[in-house]
Amino acid sequence: MSSILVIGGDRLGNIIELLQGQGFKDIHHVTGRKSSQTGVKIPAGIHMILVLTDFVNHNLAKTVKSQAKDRELPIVFCKRSCSAIAKAFDLTA
């Protein structure tokens, strides 16, 4: 099974079940709300990153995108809704 890092959103709610249905066993979440979280470091063992664009600031998204590129990790940007996430995974699969 894979690990995913979700950035953005205060709570994930049904998104957790959706991600588990996509095969992600370990789901790590960073809200991105606190200014101290702009320096987020991607934990070891992460296989993919999901950025919820309507809940993160531009600097955090840029930092995470750069880290993902350096580590050659797939990254998906989409809005915080199950339908948007499902569509994004269909496009990247």
N, C-alpha and C. Protein backbone atom coordinates (compact mmCIF):
# COMPACT_ATOMS: atom_id res chain seq x y z
N MET A 1 0.84 -1.20 0.00
CA MET A 1 0.00 0.00 0.00
C MET A 1 0.88 1.25 0.00
N SER A 2 0.27 2.35 -0.35
CA SER A 2 0.99 3.60 -0.51
C SER A 2 0.66 4.58 0.60
N SER A 3 1.50 5.60 0.68
CA SER A 3 1.28 6.71 1.61
C SER A 3 1.06 7.97 0.80
N ILE A 4 0.15 8.81 1.28
CA ILE A 4 -0.14 10.07 0.61
C ILE A 4 -0.08 11.20 1.63
N LEU A 5 0.39 12.34 1.20
CA LEU A 5 0.39 13.55 2.01
C LEU A 5 -0.66 14.48 1.43
N VAL A 6 -1.63 14.85 2.25
CA VAL A 6 -2.68 15.78 1.83
C VAL A 6 -2.38 17.12 2.49
N ILE A 7 -2.33 18.15 1.69
CA ILE A 7 -2.05 19.49 2.19
C ILE A 7 -3.25 20.38 1.91
N GLY A 8 -3.78 20.96 2.98
CA GLY A 8 -4.92 21.86 2.88
C GLY A 8 -6.17 21.28 3.50
N GLY A 9 -7.08 22.14 3.87
CA GLY A 9 -8.33 21.72 4.48
C GLY A 9 -8.17 21.51 5.98
N ASP A 10 -9.15 21.94 6.75
CA ASP A 10 -9.09 21.75 8.20
C ASP A 10 -9.37 20.29 8.56
N ARG A 11 -10.35 19.71 7.89
CA ARG A 11 -10.71 18.31 8.11
C ARG A 11 -10.85 17.65 6.75
N LEU A 12 -10.59 16.36 6.73
CA LEU A 12 -10.69 15.65 5.45
C LEU A 12 -12.03 14.96 5.27
N GLY A 13 -12.71 14.61 6.35
CA GLY A 13 -14.04 14.01 6.24
C GLY A 13 -14.05 12.79 5.34
N ASN A 14 -14.93 12.78 4.33
CA ASN A 14 -15.08 11.65 3.42
C ASN A 14 -13.90 11.45 2.48
N ILE A 15 -13.01 12.42 2.42
CA ILE A 15 -11.84 12.31 1.56
C ILE A 15 -10.96 11.14 2.01
N ILE A 16 -10.92 10.89 3.31
CA ILE A 16 -10.12 9.77 3.82
C ILE A 16 -10.61 8.46 3.22
N GLU A 17 -11.90 8.24 3.21
CA GLU A 17 -12.46 7.00 2.64
C GLU A 17 -12.18 6.91 1.14
N LEU A 18 -12.28 8.03 0.45
CA LEU A 18 -12.00 8.05 -0.98
C LEU A 18 -10.55 7.65 -1.25
N LEU A 19 -9.63 8.20 -0.47
CA LEU A 19 -8.21 7.90 -0.65
C LEU A 19 -7.91 6.44 -0.29
N GLN A 20 -8.55 5.95 0.74
CA GLN A 20 -8.37 4.54 1.10
C GLN A 20 -8.88 3.65 -0.02
N GLY A 21 -9.95 4.05 -0.66
CA GLY A 21 -10.49 3.32 -1.80
C GLY A 21 -9.55 3.33 -3.01
N GLN A 22 -8.68 4.35 -3.06
CA GLN A 22 -7.68 4.45 -4.14
C GLN A 22 -6.42 3.65 -3.79
N GLY A 23 -6.41 3.02 -2.60
CA GLY A 23 -5.27 2.18 -2.22
C GLY A 23 -4.27 2.82 -1.27
N PHE A 24 -4.58 3.99 -0.75
CA PHE A 24 -3.66 4.64 0.18
C PHE A 24 -3.95 4.18 1.61
N LYS A 25 -2.96 3.53 2.22
CA LYS A 25 -3.11 3.02 3.57
C LYS A 25 -2.78 4.11 4.60
N ASP A 26 -1.68 4.79 4.39
CA ASP A 26 -1.25 5.85 5.30
C ASP A 26 -1.57 7.21 4.69
N ILE A 27 -2.40 7.97 5.42
CA ILE A 27 -2.80 9.30 4.94
C ILE A 27 -2.30 10.32 5.95
N HIS A 28 -1.36 11.15 5.51
CA HIS A 28 -0.81 12.21 6.35
C HIS A 28 -1.48 13.51 5.93
N HIS A 29 -1.79 14.36 6.91
CA HIS A 29 -2.53 15.59 6.61
C HIS A 29 -1.87 16.78 7.27
N VAL A 30 -1.70 17.84 6.51
CA VAL A 30 -1.21 19.13 7.00
C VAL A 30 -2.24 20.16 6.56
N THR A 31 -2.78 20.91 7.53
CA THR A 31 -3.83 21.87 7.18
C THR A 31 -3.30 23.02 6.33
N GLY A 32 -2.09 23.48 6.60
CA GLY A 32 -1.53 24.60 5.86
C GLY A 32 -2.05 25.93 6.33
N ARG A 33 -2.79 25.95 7.43
CA ARG A 33 -3.38 27.20 7.92
C ARG A 33 -2.38 28.07 8.66
N LYS A 34 -1.53 27.46 9.47
CA LYS A 34 -0.60 28.23 10.28
C LYS A 34 0.55 28.73 9.42
N SER A 35 0.99 29.93 9.70
CA SER A 35 2.08 30.49 8.91
C SER A 35 3.35 29.67 9.05
N SER A 36 3.50 28.96 10.17
CA SER A 36 4.68 28.12 10.37
C SER A 36 4.68 26.92 9.44
N GLN A 37 3.54 26.60 8.86
CA GLN A 37 3.46 25.42 8.01
C GLN A 37 3.86 25.71 6.56
N THR A 38 4.30 26.92 6.28
CA THR A 38 4.78 27.18 4.92
C THR A 38 6.11 26.48 4.69
N GLY A 39 6.77 26.05 5.77
CA GLY A 39 8.03 25.34 5.66
C GLY A 39 7.84 23.84 5.79
N VAL A 40 6.71 23.31 5.35
CA VAL A 40 6.40 21.89 5.46
C VAL A 40 7.44 21.07 4.72
N LYS A 41 7.90 20.00 5.37
CA LYS A 41 8.81 19.06 4.72
C LYS A 41 8.06 17.77 4.48
N ILE A 42 8.21 17.22 3.31
CA ILE A 42 7.54 15.98 2.95
C ILE A 42 8.17 14.84 3.74
N PRO A 43 7.37 14.10 4.53
CA PRO A 43 7.93 13.00 5.32
C PRO A 43 8.47 11.88 4.43
N ALA A 44 9.37 11.11 4.99
CA ALA A 44 9.91 9.95 4.28
C ALA A 44 8.79 8.93 4.10
N GLY A 45 8.84 8.19 3.02
CA GLY A 45 7.87 7.14 2.77
C GLY A 45 6.61 7.59 2.05
N ILE A 46 6.52 8.86 1.71
CA ILE A 46 5.35 9.37 0.99
C ILE A 46 5.49 8.98 -0.48
N HIS A 47 4.39 8.51 -1.07
CA HIS A 47 4.40 8.09 -2.48
C HIS A 47 3.71 9.09 -3.40
N MET A 48 2.87 9.96 -2.82
CA MET A 48 2.12 10.93 -3.64
C MET A 48 1.69 12.09 -2.76
N ILE A 49 1.48 13.24 -3.40
CA ILE A 49 1.04 14.43 -2.68
C ILE A 49 -0.24 14.95 -3.33
N LEU A 50 -1.19 15.30 -2.48
CA LEU A 50 -2.45 15.90 -2.92
C LEU A 50 -2.57 17.27 -2.27
N VAL A 51 -2.65 18.32 -3.08
CA VAL A 51 -2.77 19.68 -2.57
C VAL A 51 -4.18 20.17 -2.85
N LEU A 52 -4.89 20.53 -1.78
CA LEU A 52 -6.25 21.06 -1.90
C LEU A 52 -6.12 22.57 -2.09
N THR A 53 -6.25 23.00 -3.33
CA THR A 53 -5.88 24.36 -3.72
C THR A 53 -6.70 25.46 -3.08
N ASP A 54 -7.93 25.16 -2.70
CA ASP A 54 -8.75 26.23 -2.12
C ASP A 54 -8.48 26.43 -0.63
N PHE A 55 -7.49 25.71 -0.08
CA PHE A 55 -7.19 25.84 1.34
C PHE A 55 -5.71 26.04 1.64
N VAL A 56 -4.90 26.39 0.66
CA VAL A 56 -3.48 26.63 0.92
C VAL A 56 -3.07 27.94 0.27
N ASN A 57 -2.02 28.54 0.83
CA ASN A 57 -1.54 29.77 0.22
C ASN A 57 -0.53 29.44 -0.88
N HIS A 58 -0.27 30.40 -1.70
CA HIS A 58 0.58 30.21 -2.87
C HIS A 58 1.99 29.76 -2.49
N ASN A 59 2.55 30.36 -1.44
CA ASN A 59 3.92 30.03 -1.04
C ASN A 59 4.04 28.58 -0.60
N LEU A 60 3.06 28.08 0.13
CA LEU A 60 3.09 26.69 0.57
C LEU A 60 2.99 25.76 -0.64
N ALA A 61 2.10 26.06 -1.55
CA ALA A 61 1.95 25.22 -2.76
C ALA A 61 3.25 25.20 -3.55
N LYS A 62 3.89 26.34 -3.67
CA LYS A 62 5.15 26.43 -4.41
C LYS A 62 6.25 25.62 -3.73
N THR A 63 6.34 25.71 -2.40
CA THR A 63 7.34 24.96 -1.64
C THR A 63 7.15 23.46 -1.80
N VAL A 64 5.90 23.01 -1.67
CA VAL A 64 5.61 21.58 -1.77
C VAL A 64 5.87 21.09 -3.20
N LYS A 65 5.50 21.87 -4.17
CA LYS A 65 5.73 21.48 -5.57
C LYS A 65 7.23 21.31 -5.85
N SER A 66 8.03 22.21 -5.32
CA SER A 66 9.47 22.13 -5.51
C SER A 66 10.05 20.88 -4.85
N GLN A 67 9.61 20.59 -3.62
CA GLN A 67 10.08 19.39 -2.92
C GLN A 67 9.66 18.12 -3.66
N ALA A 68 8.44 18.10 -4.15
CA ALA A 68 7.94 16.93 -4.88
C ALA A 68 8.77 16.71 -6.14
N LYS A 69 9.11 17.78 -6.83
CA LYS A 69 9.91 17.68 -8.05
C LYS A 69 11.29 17.13 -7.72
N ASP A 70 11.91 17.64 -6.64
CA ASP A 70 13.23 17.19 -6.24
C ASP A 70 13.24 15.70 -5.90
N ARG A 71 12.15 15.22 -5.31
CA ARG A 71 12.07 13.81 -4.90
C ARG A 71 11.37 12.93 -5.94
N GLU A 72 11.00 13.55 -7.06
CA GLU A 72 10.31 12.84 -8.16
C GLU A 72 9.03 12.16 -7.68
N LEU A 73 8.25 12.89 -6.89
CA LEU A 73 6.97 12.40 -6.39
C LEU A 73 5.83 12.97 -7.23
N PRO A 74 4.83 12.16 -7.53
CA PRO A 74 3.66 12.71 -8.23
C PRO A 74 2.90 13.65 -7.30
N ILE A 75 2.40 14.72 -7.88
CA ILE A 75 1.64 15.71 -7.10
C ILE A 75 0.38 16.06 -7.88
N VAL A 76 -0.73 16.14 -7.16
CA VAL A 76 -2.02 16.46 -7.76
C VAL A 76 -2.58 17.69 -7.06
N PHE A 77 -3.02 18.65 -7.84
CA PHE A 77 -3.65 19.86 -7.33
C PHE A 77 -5.13 19.82 -7.69
N CYS A 78 -6.00 19.99 -6.71
CA CYS A 78 -7.43 20.07 -7.01
C CYS A 78 -8.17 20.71 -5.84
N LYS A 79 -9.44 20.99 -6.06
CA LYS A 79 -10.28 21.56 -5.02
C LYS A 79 -10.64 20.51 -3.99
N ARG A 80 -11.10 20.97 -2.82
CA ARG A 80 -11.43 20.07 -1.73
C ARG A 80 -12.87 19.56 -1.89
N SER A 81 -13.04 18.57 -2.72
CA SER A 81 -14.32 17.87 -2.85
C SER A 81 -14.01 16.47 -3.35
N CYS A 82 -14.81 15.53 -2.91
CA CYS A 82 -14.59 14.14 -3.33
C CYS A 82 -14.68 14.01 -4.85
N SER A 83 -15.61 14.73 -5.47
CA SER A 83 -15.75 14.60 -6.92
C SER A 83 -14.54 15.17 -7.65
N ALA A 84 -14.00 16.29 -7.17
CA ALA A 84 -12.81 16.87 -7.80
C ALA A 84 -11.60 15.97 -7.63
N ILE A 85 -11.48 15.36 -6.46
CA ILE A 85 -10.36 14.46 -6.21
C ILE A 85 -10.48 13.20 -7.06
N ALA A 86 -11.66 12.64 -7.12
CA ALA A 86 -11.88 11.44 -7.94
C ALA A 86 -11.55 11.72 -9.40
N LYS A 87 -11.95 12.88 -9.89
CA LYS A 87 -11.66 13.25 -11.28
C LYS A 87 -10.16 13.41 -11.48
N ALA A 88 -9.48 14.03 -10.53
CA ALA A 88 -8.04 14.23 -10.63
C ALA A 88 -7.30 12.89 -10.66
N PHE A 89 -7.74 11.94 -9.88
CA PHE A 89 -7.08 10.63 -9.87
C PHE A 89 -7.34 9.89 -11.17
N ASP A 90 -8.50 10.04 -11.76
CA ASP A 90 -8.79 9.41 -13.06
C ASP A 90 -7.87 9.98 -14.12
N LEU A 91 -7.55 11.27 -14.03
CA LEU A 91 -6.70 11.92 -15.01
C LEU A 91 -5.23 11.52 -14.85
N THR A 92 -4.83 11.21 -13.61
CA THR A 92 -3.43 10.89 -13.38
C THR A 92 -3.17 9.40 -13.40
N ALA A 93 -4.21 8.58 -13.46
CA ALA A 93 -4.02 7.13 -13.40
C ALA A 93 -3.56 6.58 -14.72
